[in-house]
Protein backbone atom coordinates (compact mmCIF):
# COMPACT_ATOMS: atom_id res chain seq x y z
CA MET A 1 -12.37 7.21 19.54
CA SER A 2 -10.26 9.60 21.62
CA VAL A 3 -7.34 11.26 19.79
CA GLU A 4 -4.83 13.17 21.90
CA LEU A 5 -1.79 15.18 20.72
CA VAL A 6 0.90 15.64 23.37
CA VAL A 7 4.48 16.89 23.63
CA VAL A 8 6.80 14.57 25.58
CA GLY A 9 10.50 14.11 26.25
CA TRP A 10 12.90 12.10 24.11
CA ASP A 11 13.14 9.42 26.81
CA ASP A 12 9.38 8.92 27.01
CA PRO A 13 8.90 5.10 26.86
CA GLU A 14 6.05 5.31 24.33
CA ALA A 15 8.12 7.49 22.01
CA ALA A 16 11.08 5.12 22.40
CA ARG A 17 8.86 2.15 21.50
CA LEU A 18 7.66 3.86 18.32
CA ARG A 19 11.21 4.82 17.31
CA ALA A 20 12.31 1.21 17.76
CA ALA A 21 9.44 0.05 15.53
CA GLN A 22 10.42 2.63 12.91
CA GLN A 23 14.04 1.46 12.85
CA ALA A 24 12.96 -2.16 12.50
CA GLU A 25 10.76 -1.23 9.52
CA LEU A 26 13.58 0.72 7.85
CA LEU A 27 15.95 -2.22 8.32
CA ASP A 28 13.41 -4.47 6.65
CA ARG A 29 12.89 -2.10 3.69
CA TYR A 30 16.51 -1.20 3.00
CA GLY A 31 18.34 -4.24 4.29
CA GLU A 32 20.61 -2.09 6.45
CA GLU A 33 20.30 0.21 9.40
CA ASP A 34 19.38 3.85 8.96
CA ILE A 35 22.38 6.21 8.89
CA GLY A 36 21.11 7.94 12.01
CA HIS A 37 19.90 4.83 13.83
CA ALA A 38 22.13 5.55 16.84
CA MET A 39 20.91 9.14 17.22
CA THR A 40 20.56 10.28 20.82
CA GLY A 41 18.20 12.92 22.15
CA GLU A 42 21.01 15.40 22.74
CA ASP A 43 19.87 17.86 20.06
CA ILE A 44 16.16 16.98 20.13
CA VAL A 45 14.10 19.96 21.28
CA SER A 46 10.53 18.66 20.81
CA VAL A 47 8.87 15.24 20.57
CA VAL A 48 5.22 14.87 19.60
CA LEU A 49 2.99 11.86 20.22
CA VAL A 50 -0.49 11.01 19.01
CA ARG A 51 -2.43 8.77 21.38
CA VAL A 52 -5.60 7.00 20.24
CA ASP A 53 -7.73 5.74 23.11
CA GLY A 54 -4.65 6.06 25.30
CA GLU A 55 -2.29 4.14 22.96
CA ALA A 56 0.64 5.97 21.36
CA VAL A 57 0.35 5.36 17.59
CA ALA A 58 2.36 8.17 15.95
CA THR A 59 5.37 10.31 16.69
CA GLY A 60 7.76 12.90 15.29
CA ALA A 61 10.52 15.11 16.62
CA LEU A 62 12.37 18.36 16.00
CA ARG A 63 16.15 18.52 16.10
CA SER A 64 18.27 21.65 16.52
CA LEU A 65 21.22 21.87 14.12
CA ALA A 66 22.89 24.84 15.79
CA GLU A 67 25.59 22.84 17.62
CA ASP A 68 26.42 20.31 14.90
CA PRO A 69 29.40 21.35 12.74
CA ALA A 70 28.29 18.92 10.02
CA TYR A 71 25.41 21.31 9.34
CA ASP A 72 27.38 24.57 9.14
CA ALA A 73 26.25 24.96 5.51
CA VAL A 74 22.57 24.89 6.52
CA PRO A 75 21.13 28.44 6.78
CA PRO A 76 20.52 29.81 10.29
CA GLY A 77 16.98 29.45 11.56
CA THR A 78 16.66 25.92 10.17
CA GLY A 79 15.50 22.90 12.16
CA GLU A 80 15.20 19.24 11.20
CA VAL A 81 12.22 16.88 11.36
CA LYS A 82 13.22 13.49 12.72
CA ARG A 83 11.66 10.12 13.53
CA MET A 84 8.29 10.57 11.85
CA TYR A 85 6.43 7.29 12.29
CA VAL A 86 2.91 5.87 12.45
CA LEU A 87 2.12 2.30 13.46
CA PRO A 88 1.04 0.32 10.35
CA GLY A 89 -2.44 -0.44 11.69
CA HIS A 90 -3.17 3.26 12.15
CA ARG A 91 -1.99 4.62 8.79
CA GLY A 92 -4.30 6.45 6.44
CA ARG A 93 -6.14 8.25 9.24
CA GLY A 94 -4.33 11.58 9.14
CA TYR A 95 -2.11 11.07 12.19
CA SER A 96 1.12 11.79 10.32
CA ARG A 97 -0.32 15.08 9.05
CA LEU A 98 -1.39 15.89 12.60
CA VAL A 99 2.12 15.29 13.92
CA LEU A 100 3.76 17.24 11.10
CA ALA A 101 1.45 20.23 11.56
CA GLU A 102 2.24 20.32 15.28
CA LEU A 103 5.97 20.12 14.59
CA GLU A 104 5.68 23.06 12.21
CA ARG A 105 3.77 25.03 14.83
CA LEU A 106 6.39 24.30 17.48
CA ALA A 107 9.18 25.19 15.07
CA VAL A 108 7.71 28.69 14.69
CA VAL A 109 6.26 29.36 18.13
CA GLU A 110 8.79 27.65 20.38
CA HIS A 111 12.02 27.86 18.39
CA ASP A 112 11.56 30.80 15.97
CA TRP A 113 12.76 28.72 13.04
CA ARG A 114 12.06 29.87 9.52
CA ARG A 115 12.73 26.61 7.70
CA LEU A 116 12.45 22.87 8.26
CA ILE A 117 14.45 20.17 6.51
CA LEU A 118 14.16 16.40 6.62
CA GLU A 119 15.41 13.18 5.09
CA THR A 120 13.57 10.07 3.94
CA GLY A 121 14.22 7.38 1.33
CA PRO A 122 13.07 6.35 -2.17
CA LEU A 123 11.58 3.12 -0.80
CA GLN A 124 9.18 5.17 1.36
CA PRO A 125 6.91 6.73 -1.27
CA GLU A 126 4.11 7.22 1.26
CA ALA A 127 6.43 9.45 3.32
CA ILE A 128 7.57 11.39 0.26
CA GLY A 129 3.92 11.92 -0.69
CA LEU A 130 3.13 13.18 2.82
CA TYR A 131 5.92 15.73 2.75
CA LEU A 132 5.17 16.94 -0.78
CA ARG A 133 1.49 17.43 0.03
CA ALA A 134 2.49 19.32 3.18
CA GLY A 135 4.50 21.82 1.13
CA PHE A 136 8.00 20.37 1.45
CA LEU A 137 10.05 20.43 -1.75
CA PRO A 138 13.09 18.35 -2.75
CA ILE A 139 16.54 19.76 -2.01
CA GLU A 140 20.13 18.59 -2.32
CA ASN A 141 21.13 15.97 0.22
CA TYR A 142 22.60 17.69 3.25
CA GLY A 143 24.93 16.83 6.12
CA GLU A 144 25.55 13.11 6.54
CA TYR A 145 23.25 12.30 3.60
CA VAL A 146 25.37 13.95 0.88
CA GLY A 147 25.96 11.45 -1.93
CA VAL A 148 23.75 8.77 -0.35
CA ALA A 149 21.54 7.17 -3.01
CA ASP A 150 19.14 5.80 -0.40
CA SER A 151 18.34 9.31 0.85
CA ARG A 152 16.01 12.03 -0.41
CA CYS A 153 15.94 15.39 1.36
CA PHE A 154 13.18 18.01 1.51
CA ALA A 155 12.67 21.51 2.90
CA LYS A 156 9.79 23.83 3.69
CA GLU A 157 9.86 27.57 4.24
CA LEU A 158 7.73 28.33 7.28
CA TYR A 159 7.31 31.96 6.20
CA PRO A 160 6.72 31.47 2.46
CA THR A 161 6.94 34.41 0.10
CA ALA A 162 3.51 35.40 -1.20
CA ARG A 163 2.96 34.79 -4.89
CA GLU A 164 2.14 37.65 -7.16
CA PRO A 165 -1.50 37.42 -8.30
CA ARG A 166 -2.00 36.34 -11.89
CA THR A 167 -3.05 39.18 -14.15
CA GLY A 168 -4.75 39.03 -17.51
CA GLU A 169 -6.32 36.10 -19.32
CA ARG A 170 -4.48 32.90 -19.97
CA PRO A 171 -3.43 32.46 -23.58
CA THR A 172 -5.05 29.77 -25.69
CA VAL A 173 -3.00 26.59 -25.82
CA THR A 174 -3.36 24.28 -28.79
CA LEU A 175 -1.87 20.81 -29.13
CA THR A 176 -0.62 18.77 -32.07
CA ARG A 177 0.39 15.12 -32.06
CA THR A 178 3.48 14.18 -33.97
CA GLU A 179 6.51 11.87 -34.09
CA TRP A 180 9.55 11.89 -31.82
CA SER A 181 11.72 12.94 -34.80
CA ASP A 182 9.60 16.00 -35.67
CA PRO A 183 12.13 18.88 -36.01
CA VAL A 184 9.97 21.14 -33.81
CA ALA A 185 9.90 18.52 -31.05
CA VAL A 186 13.65 17.99 -31.40
CA ALA A 187 14.26 21.72 -31.03
CA LEU A 188 12.11 21.86 -27.90
CA ARG A 189 13.92 18.88 -26.37
CA TYR A 190 17.24 20.56 -27.15
CA ALA A 191 16.06 23.62 -25.22
CA MET A 192 15.23 21.24 -22.37
CA TRP A 193 18.73 19.75 -22.63
CA LEU A 194 20.26 23.21 -22.23
CA ASP A 195 18.17 23.61 -19.07
CA ILE A 196 19.40 20.22 -17.82
CA GLU A 197 23.01 21.27 -18.43
CA VAL A 198 22.46 24.13 -15.98
CA ARG A 199 20.46 22.20 -13.36
CA TYR A 200 22.25 18.86 -13.59
CA PRO A 201 25.74 19.48 -14.99
CA GLU A 202 26.93 16.11 -13.67
CA ILE A 203 24.34 14.30 -15.79
CA ALA A 204 25.12 16.28 -18.93
CA ALA A 205 28.85 15.76 -18.46
CA SER A 206 28.46 12.00 -18.00
CA THR A 207 26.27 11.49 -21.09
CA PRO A 208 28.49 10.22 -23.95
CA GLY A 209 27.95 12.21 -27.12
CA GLY A 210 25.72 14.78 -25.44
CA PHE A 211 22.27 15.60 -26.78
CA GLU A 212 22.96 14.38 -30.33
CA ALA A 213 23.72 10.85 -29.15
CA ASP A 214 21.31 10.69 -26.23
CA ASP A 215 18.12 12.03 -27.82
CA PRO A 216 17.62 9.20 -30.37
CA GLN A 217 18.13 6.65 -27.59
CA GLN A 218 15.55 8.35 -25.41
CA GLY A 219 13.06 8.13 -28.28
CA VAL A 220 13.21 4.34 -28.64
CA GLY A 221 9.72 3.06 -27.90
CA ALA A 222 8.05 6.47 -28.22
CA LEU A 223 4.30 6.04 -28.68
CA THR A 224 3.09 9.63 -28.98
CA THR A 225 4.75 13.03 -28.93
CA VAL A 226 2.63 16.13 -28.30
CA ILE A 227 3.62 19.74 -28.97
CA ALA A 228 1.95 22.71 -27.23
CA TRP A 229 1.52 25.97 -29.14
CA VAL A 230 0.67 29.50 -27.99
CA ASP A 231 -0.01 32.23 -30.55
CA GLY A 232 1.39 30.03 -33.29
CA GLN A 233 4.68 29.40 -31.49
CA PRO A 234 5.79 26.02 -30.09
CA VAL A 235 6.25 26.39 -26.33
CA GLY A 236 6.38 22.86 -24.96
CA CYS A 237 6.44 19.15 -25.64
CA ALA A 238 6.00 15.76 -23.98
CA THR A 239 6.17 12.12 -25.04
CA LEU A 240 4.51 8.89 -23.98
CA ARG A 241 7.00 6.03 -24.21
CA ALA A 242 6.38 2.29 -23.99
CA ALA A 243 7.28 0.73 -20.66
CA ARG A 244 10.71 -0.86 -20.42
CA ASP A 245 11.86 -3.98 -18.60
CA GLY A 246 10.95 -3.86 -14.93
CA TYR A 247 8.28 -1.17 -15.28
CA PRO A 248 4.83 -1.81 -13.79
CA ALA A 249 2.52 -3.96 -15.89
CA GLY A 250 0.08 -1.92 -17.96
CA SER A 251 2.12 1.26 -17.70
CA ALA A 252 3.67 3.74 -20.10
CA GLU A 253 6.30 6.33 -19.27
CA LEU A 254 6.00 10.09 -19.45
CA LYS A 255 9.19 11.48 -20.99
CA LYS A 256 10.70 14.84 -21.87
CA VAL A 257 7.97 17.08 -20.46
CA TRP A 258 9.16 20.64 -20.99
CA VAL A 259 7.59 24.08 -21.33
CA ASP A 260 9.51 27.24 -22.19
CA GLU A 261 9.91 29.50 -19.17
CA ALA A 262 8.06 32.33 -20.91
CA ALA A 263 4.98 30.08 -21.31
CA ARG A 264 4.90 28.65 -17.80
CA GLY A 265 1.63 29.41 -16.10
CA SER A 266 -0.20 29.27 -19.41
CA GLY A 267 -1.66 25.81 -18.76
CA ALA A 268 0.51 24.23 -21.46
CA ALA A 269 2.08 21.67 -19.12
CA ARG A 270 -1.28 20.49 -17.78
CA ALA A 271 -2.64 20.25 -21.31
CA LEU A 272 0.31 18.08 -22.35
CA LEU A 273 -0.18 15.75 -19.39
CA ALA A 274 -3.90 15.41 -20.02
CA ALA A 275 -3.36 14.63 -23.70
CA LEU A 276 -0.85 11.87 -23.02
CA GLU A 277 -2.99 10.38 -20.26
CA ASP A 278 -5.87 10.24 -22.78
CA ASP A 279 -3.56 8.49 -25.24
CA ALA A 280 -2.54 5.97 -22.58
CA ARG A 281 -6.18 5.15 -21.84
CA GLU A 282 -6.97 4.77 -25.54
CA ARG A 283 -4.16 2.22 -25.78
CA GLY A 284 -5.67 0.20 -22.95
CA LEU A 285 -2.94 1.13 -20.47
CA THR A 286 -3.74 1.54 -16.80
CA SER A 287 -1.04 3.86 -15.47
CA VAL A 288 1.53 6.46 -16.42
CA VAL A 289 4.88 6.53 -14.63
CA LEU A 290 7.62 9.14 -14.66
CA GLN A 291 11.03 10.00 -13.32
CA THR A 292 11.85 13.59 -12.40
CA GLY A 293 14.63 15.30 -10.46
CA ILE A 294 15.10 16.97 -7.10
CA ARG A 295 16.20 20.24 -8.75
CA GLN A 296 12.88 20.70 -10.54
CA PRO A 297 10.49 21.69 -7.74
CA GLU A 298 8.08 23.26 -10.23
CA ALA A 299 7.80 19.93 -12.07
CA VAL A 300 7.30 17.99 -8.81
CA THR A 301 4.56 20.44 -7.80
CA LEU A 302 2.89 20.13 -11.21
CA TYR A 303 2.82 16.32 -11.12
CA LEU A 304 1.54 16.23 -7.56
CA SER A 305 -1.29 18.64 -8.34
CA ALA A 306 -2.15 16.61 -11.47
CA GLY A 307 -2.70 13.48 -9.39
CA TYR A 308 0.69 11.77 -9.60
CA ARG A 309 1.96 10.17 -6.41
CA PRO A 310 5.45 9.06 -5.36
CA VAL A 311 6.16 5.37 -5.91
CA VAL A 312 8.97 2.91 -5.25
CA PRO A 313 11.57 3.17 -8.06
CA PHE A 314 10.63 0.91 -10.95
CA PHE A 315 14.23 0.14 -11.85
CA ASP A 316 17.58 -0.11 -10.10
CA PHE A 317 18.44 3.29 -8.62
CA ALA A 318 21.91 2.39 -7.35
CA GLY A 319 24.10 5.49 -7.44
CA ASP A 320 21.19 7.81 -8.27
CA PHE A 321 20.57 10.41 -5.56
CA LEU A 322 18.89 12.96 -7.85
CA SER A 323 15.66 11.25 -8.96
CA LEU A 324 12.10 10.94 -7.73
CA TRP A 325 9.62 8.46 -9.21
CA MET A 326 5.87 9.06 -9.53
CA ALA A 327 2.84 7.35 -11.06
CA LYS A 328 -0.83 7.94 -11.80
CA ASP A 329 -3.62 5.49 -12.54
CA VAL A 330 -5.43 6.44 -15.71
């Protein structure tokens, strides 16, 4: 098998054929045309093709945002990934990663960009998984996608800041299983609520009765609640809740996973996930599902590294442009 990676023009007939196939697939998934379906090549600065034995099977493009006033709020040095697509019969072979890696290289070498952004949709979990694994993280919807529930936007820093090396030994994390109504668990979830008020003020403001009214409702169907402790202090909690109508068969839902900021990096979050996954298996369940938000990149990164993968929403997401849905077979 001969695999060739080439850079072509926007009007290249093979690239045009792949873009047409992509738009047809999006129309089938969403029942309506993509917002940018009529996009021209005016701002496109690079188009990449993958050819397998001479046949074009994958493509992607880079778009400059410098001349578009709709993107004035986007920081300078930012480019956009557009029209990522792989023919169905060639998926799962790494061609999308090959295209994306080449686009990142071109963004740095040819265009001196420091950041890439992109948009996809909640009914394309395989695309969301690709971008998350490639180091893109969820961001607020930008430009023409602001307020669009069918859109999810992501960004990647092409010159990431180096992390400080971890020093010292990790503390010992212990776990206790309890009930949803345990006062310690309630206090931890209230701390999480205060965090939500900061990150998602629109959600907190639209919740009738605030935490006091919402928390008991969230606990309906709770199967197991686990508390994480470090040095005798409660630092985190998580709950396994019975699946609700419309959820995948054999699943349970991960709810209210939270670790105090001072204890992050201690391993408490991973310990909580592992404990609840064990509980799900013991109950004969086959998967754990969860809903998280685009303003919690550390949570998205945690779930991805723990083996969770993006999935199609398991309930109606109309009007929701803040959530991501993930699942893991257990």
